[in-house]
N, C-alpha and C. Protein backbone atom coordinates (compact mmCIF):
# COMPACT_ATOMS: atom_id res chain seq x y z
N MET A 1 128.95 276.17 212.77
CA MET A 1 128.23 275.19 213.55
C MET A 1 126.96 274.75 212.81
N ILE A 2 126.25 275.68 212.21
CA ILE A 2 125.04 275.35 211.50
C ILE A 2 125.36 274.46 210.30
N GLU A 3 126.48 274.71 209.64
CA GLU A 3 126.87 273.91 208.49
C GLU A 3 127.13 272.44 208.89
N ARG A 4 127.72 272.23 210.05
CA ARG A 4 127.92 270.86 210.55
C ARG A 4 126.61 270.18 210.85
N LEU A 5 125.66 270.92 211.41
CA LEU A 5 124.36 270.38 211.72
C LEU A 5 123.61 269.97 210.46
N VAL A 6 123.69 270.82 209.44
CA VAL A 6 123.04 270.52 208.18
C VAL A 6 123.65 269.27 207.55
N THR A 7 124.98 269.15 207.64
CA THR A 7 125.67 267.97 207.12
C THR A 7 125.23 266.71 207.89
N LEU A 8 125.11 266.81 209.17
CA LEU A 8 124.67 265.67 209.97
C LEU A 8 123.25 265.25 209.62
N ILE A 9 122.34 266.21 209.53
CA ILE A 9 120.95 265.89 209.24
C ILE A 9 120.82 265.35 207.81
N SER A 10 121.58 265.91 206.89
CA SER A 10 121.53 265.42 205.48
C SER A 10 122.06 263.97 205.40
N GLY A 11 123.13 263.67 206.15
CA GLY A 11 123.64 262.33 206.17
C GLY A 11 122.64 261.36 206.78
N ALA A 12 121.99 261.75 207.86
CA ALA A 12 121.00 260.90 208.50
C ALA A 12 119.80 260.67 207.56
N SER A 13 119.40 261.70 206.87
CA SER A 13 118.28 261.55 205.91
C SER A 13 118.66 260.64 204.77
N GLY A 14 119.86 260.78 204.28
CA GLY A 14 120.35 259.91 203.22
C GLY A 14 120.39 258.46 203.66
N LEU A 15 120.92 258.22 204.88
CA LEU A 15 120.98 256.87 205.42
C LEU A 15 119.58 256.28 205.58
N ALA A 16 118.63 257.08 206.08
CA ALA A 16 117.28 256.60 206.25
C ALA A 16 116.65 256.25 204.88
N ALA A 17 116.89 257.09 203.87
CA ALA A 17 116.31 256.81 202.53
C ALA A 17 116.90 255.53 201.96
N ILE A 18 118.21 255.27 202.16
CA ILE A 18 118.79 254.04 201.64
C ILE A 18 118.27 252.84 202.42
N ALA A 19 118.06 252.97 203.72
CA ALA A 19 117.50 251.88 204.49
C ALA A 19 116.07 251.55 204.04
N ILE A 20 115.29 252.57 203.75
CA ILE A 20 113.94 252.35 203.23
C ILE A 20 114.00 251.70 201.87
N ALA A 21 114.94 252.12 201.03
CA ALA A 21 115.11 251.51 199.68
C ALA A 21 115.42 250.03 199.81
N LEU A 22 116.33 249.69 200.72
CA LEU A 22 116.65 248.25 200.92
C LEU A 22 115.43 247.46 201.39
N TYR A 23 114.63 248.07 202.23
CA TYR A 23 113.39 247.40 202.66
C TYR A 23 112.46 247.17 201.48
N PHE A 24 112.31 248.18 200.65
CA PHE A 24 111.43 248.01 199.48
C PHE A 24 111.98 246.98 198.50
N PHE A 25 113.28 246.93 198.30
CA PHE A 25 113.88 245.93 197.42
C PHE A 25 113.63 244.51 197.96
N ARG A 26 113.82 244.34 199.27
CA ARG A 26 113.60 243.04 199.87
C ARG A 26 112.12 242.61 199.76
N PHE A 27 111.24 243.54 200.08
CA PHE A 27 109.83 243.20 200.02
C PHE A 27 109.39 242.99 198.57
N GLY A 28 109.96 243.73 197.62
CA GLY A 28 109.65 243.53 196.21
C GLY A 28 110.13 242.19 195.72
N ARG A 29 111.28 241.73 196.22
CA ARG A 29 111.79 240.44 195.81
C ARG A 29 110.89 239.31 196.34
N GLU A 30 110.41 239.47 197.55
CA GLU A 30 109.53 238.45 198.14
C GLU A 30 108.16 238.42 197.48
N SER A 31 107.58 239.59 197.17
CA SER A 31 106.27 239.64 196.59
C SER A 31 106.24 239.63 195.07
N ARG A 32 107.42 239.84 194.46
CA ARG A 32 107.56 239.91 193.01
C ARG A 32 106.64 241.00 192.40
N ASP A 33 106.57 242.11 193.09
CA ASP A 33 105.72 243.24 192.63
C ASP A 33 106.63 244.39 192.19
N ARG A 34 106.37 244.90 190.97
CA ARG A 34 107.16 245.97 190.43
C ARG A 34 107.05 247.26 191.24
N LEU A 35 105.94 247.48 191.87
CA LEU A 35 105.73 248.69 192.65
C LEU A 35 106.85 248.91 193.67
N PHE A 36 107.19 247.86 194.38
CA PHE A 36 108.19 247.99 195.43
C PHE A 36 109.60 248.18 194.87
N HIS A 37 109.90 247.61 193.74
CA HIS A 37 111.17 247.81 193.09
C HIS A 37 111.32 249.28 192.65
N ILE A 38 110.27 249.82 192.06
CA ILE A 38 110.32 251.24 191.61
C ILE A 38 110.41 252.17 192.81
N PHE A 39 109.67 251.85 193.91
CA PHE A 39 109.79 252.64 195.11
C PHE A 39 111.24 252.60 195.66
N GLY A 40 111.84 251.42 195.56
CA GLY A 40 113.22 251.28 196.02
C GLY A 40 114.17 252.17 195.25
N TRP A 41 114.01 252.20 193.92
CA TRP A 41 114.85 253.09 193.11
C TRP A 41 114.60 254.56 193.39
N ALA A 42 113.34 254.91 193.68
CA ALA A 42 113.02 256.28 194.01
C ALA A 42 113.72 256.69 195.31
N PHE A 43 113.70 255.82 196.29
CA PHE A 43 114.33 256.14 197.55
C PHE A 43 115.87 256.13 197.44
N CYS A 44 116.42 255.33 196.53
CA CYS A 44 117.85 255.40 196.26
C CYS A 44 118.21 256.78 195.70
N ALA A 45 117.39 257.29 194.81
CA ALA A 45 117.62 258.62 194.26
C ALA A 45 117.52 259.70 195.32
N LEU A 46 116.53 259.56 196.23
CA LEU A 46 116.44 260.53 197.32
C LEU A 46 117.62 260.43 198.28
N GLY A 47 118.07 259.21 198.54
CA GLY A 47 119.25 259.03 199.37
C GLY A 47 120.49 259.66 198.76
N ALA A 48 120.65 259.49 197.44
CA ALA A 48 121.78 260.11 196.74
C ALA A 48 121.67 261.62 196.82
N ASN A 49 120.44 262.14 196.68
CA ASN A 49 120.25 263.57 196.76
C ASN A 49 120.67 264.11 198.13
N TRP A 50 120.22 263.46 199.19
CA TRP A 50 120.58 263.94 200.53
C TRP A 50 122.08 263.78 200.80
N TRP A 51 122.68 262.73 200.22
CA TRP A 51 124.12 262.56 200.38
C TRP A 51 124.87 263.70 199.70
N LEU A 52 124.42 264.07 198.50
CA LEU A 52 125.05 265.18 197.79
C LEU A 52 124.87 266.50 198.55
N VAL A 53 123.72 266.69 199.14
CA VAL A 53 123.53 267.92 199.93
C VAL A 53 124.46 267.96 201.13
N GLY A 54 124.69 266.79 201.73
CA GLY A 54 125.60 266.72 202.88
C GLY A 54 127.05 266.90 202.48
N VAL A 55 127.43 266.34 201.34
CA VAL A 55 128.83 266.45 200.91
C VAL A 55 129.17 267.86 200.41
N LEU A 56 128.26 268.42 199.64
CA LEU A 56 128.46 269.77 199.16
C LEU A 56 128.06 270.75 200.24
N SER A 57 128.36 271.97 200.07
CA SER A 57 127.97 272.95 201.07
C SER A 57 126.46 273.16 201.06
N PRO A 58 125.86 273.51 202.19
CA PRO A 58 124.41 273.66 202.23
C PRO A 58 123.86 274.72 201.28
N GLN A 59 124.69 275.68 200.90
CA GLN A 59 124.20 276.70 199.98
C GLN A 59 123.93 276.16 198.59
N THR A 60 124.53 275.00 198.27
CA THR A 60 124.35 274.44 196.93
C THR A 60 123.03 273.71 196.80
N GLU A 61 122.27 273.59 197.90
CA GLU A 61 120.99 272.90 197.82
C GLU A 61 120.03 273.61 196.87
N ALA A 62 120.22 274.89 196.71
CA ALA A 62 119.33 275.68 195.84
C ALA A 62 119.67 275.48 194.36
N LYS A 63 120.77 274.78 194.05
CA LYS A 63 121.11 274.57 192.65
C LYS A 63 120.08 273.66 191.98
N ALA A 64 119.82 273.92 190.75
CA ALA A 64 118.74 273.23 190.02
C ALA A 64 118.96 271.74 189.85
N TRP A 65 120.18 271.32 189.66
CA TRP A 65 120.40 269.89 189.38
C TRP A 65 120.10 269.02 190.62
N LEU A 66 120.17 269.58 191.80
CA LEU A 66 119.77 268.80 192.98
C LEU A 66 118.25 268.63 193.00
N TYR A 67 117.53 269.62 192.54
CA TYR A 67 116.09 269.50 192.44
C TYR A 67 115.66 268.53 191.34
N VAL A 68 116.47 268.41 190.31
CA VAL A 68 116.17 267.45 189.24
C VAL A 68 116.23 266.02 189.78
N ILE A 69 117.17 265.76 190.67
CA ILE A 69 117.26 264.40 191.28
C ILE A 69 115.98 264.13 192.09
N ARG A 70 115.54 265.12 192.86
CA ARG A 70 114.29 264.93 193.63
C ARG A 70 113.09 264.76 192.71
N LEU A 71 113.05 265.56 191.66
CA LEU A 71 111.97 265.46 190.68
C LEU A 71 111.93 264.06 190.08
N PHE A 72 113.10 263.53 189.72
CA PHE A 72 113.19 262.18 189.17
C PHE A 72 112.63 261.15 190.15
N ALA A 73 112.95 261.30 191.43
CA ALA A 73 112.47 260.35 192.44
C ALA A 73 110.95 260.42 192.57
N PHE A 74 110.39 261.61 192.57
CA PHE A 74 108.94 261.74 192.73
C PHE A 74 108.20 261.30 191.45
N VAL A 75 108.82 261.50 190.29
CA VAL A 75 108.22 261.01 189.05
C VAL A 75 108.23 259.46 189.08
N LEU A 76 109.30 258.85 189.59
CA LEU A 76 109.30 257.39 189.70
C LEU A 76 108.19 256.90 190.60
N ILE A 77 107.94 257.61 191.70
CA ILE A 77 106.83 257.19 192.61
C ILE A 77 105.50 257.31 191.88
N ILE A 78 105.30 258.39 191.16
CA ILE A 78 104.03 258.55 190.43
C ILE A 78 103.90 257.45 189.37
N VAL A 79 104.96 257.15 188.67
CA VAL A 79 104.93 256.10 187.66
C VAL A 79 104.59 254.75 188.29
N ALA A 80 105.14 254.48 189.47
CA ALA A 80 104.90 253.24 190.16
C ALA A 80 103.40 253.12 190.53
N VAL A 81 102.84 254.17 191.04
CA VAL A 81 101.44 254.14 191.47
C VAL A 81 100.52 253.98 190.24
N VAL A 82 100.79 254.72 189.20
CA VAL A 82 99.97 254.62 187.96
C VAL A 82 100.10 253.22 187.37
N ASP A 83 101.32 252.66 187.35
CA ASP A 83 101.52 251.32 186.81
C ASP A 83 100.79 250.27 187.63
N LYS A 84 100.80 250.43 188.95
CA LYS A 84 100.08 249.48 189.83
C LYS A 84 98.58 249.56 189.61
N ASN A 85 98.04 250.76 189.46
CA ASN A 85 96.59 250.92 189.22
C ASN A 85 96.18 250.39 187.87
N ARG A 86 97.00 250.55 186.87
CA ARG A 86 96.67 250.02 185.53
C ARG A 86 96.72 248.49 185.51
N SER A 87 97.72 247.94 186.19
CA SER A 87 97.85 246.48 186.17
C SER A 87 96.78 245.79 187.03
N SER A 88 96.27 246.48 188.03
CA SER A 88 95.22 245.88 188.87
C SER A 88 93.84 245.85 188.20
N LYS A 89 93.68 246.69 187.18
CA LYS A 89 92.39 246.72 186.45
C LYS A 89 92.25 245.55 185.50
N LYS A 90 93.38 244.94 185.11
CA LYS A 90 93.31 243.84 184.12
C LYS A 90 92.87 242.56 184.70
C-alpha cells in the first residue's frame, strides 16, 4: 500500500514539475528572457526525476544517478540566477 502511495505522489510531483516547466517556457517566450527558459529546463529535469522515482520502485530513490538528475536541475537554476545577475549589470 505504501508503495502505491509513493508512486502516486511521485507521479503528481512529476506532473506538477512539468506544468511549471511549461509555464516558464511560455513566459520565457513572451519576455524573451533566458532565465525562464533555463528554469523551464531545470523543472523538466525535476519532472523526469520524479517520473523515474514513480516508475522504479521507491527503494531505488537512494541510487546515486537519481540524485545526479536533481543535482543537474539545481545547477541549472544556479546558472540561470548567476547569468541573470551578470547580464543585468551590463
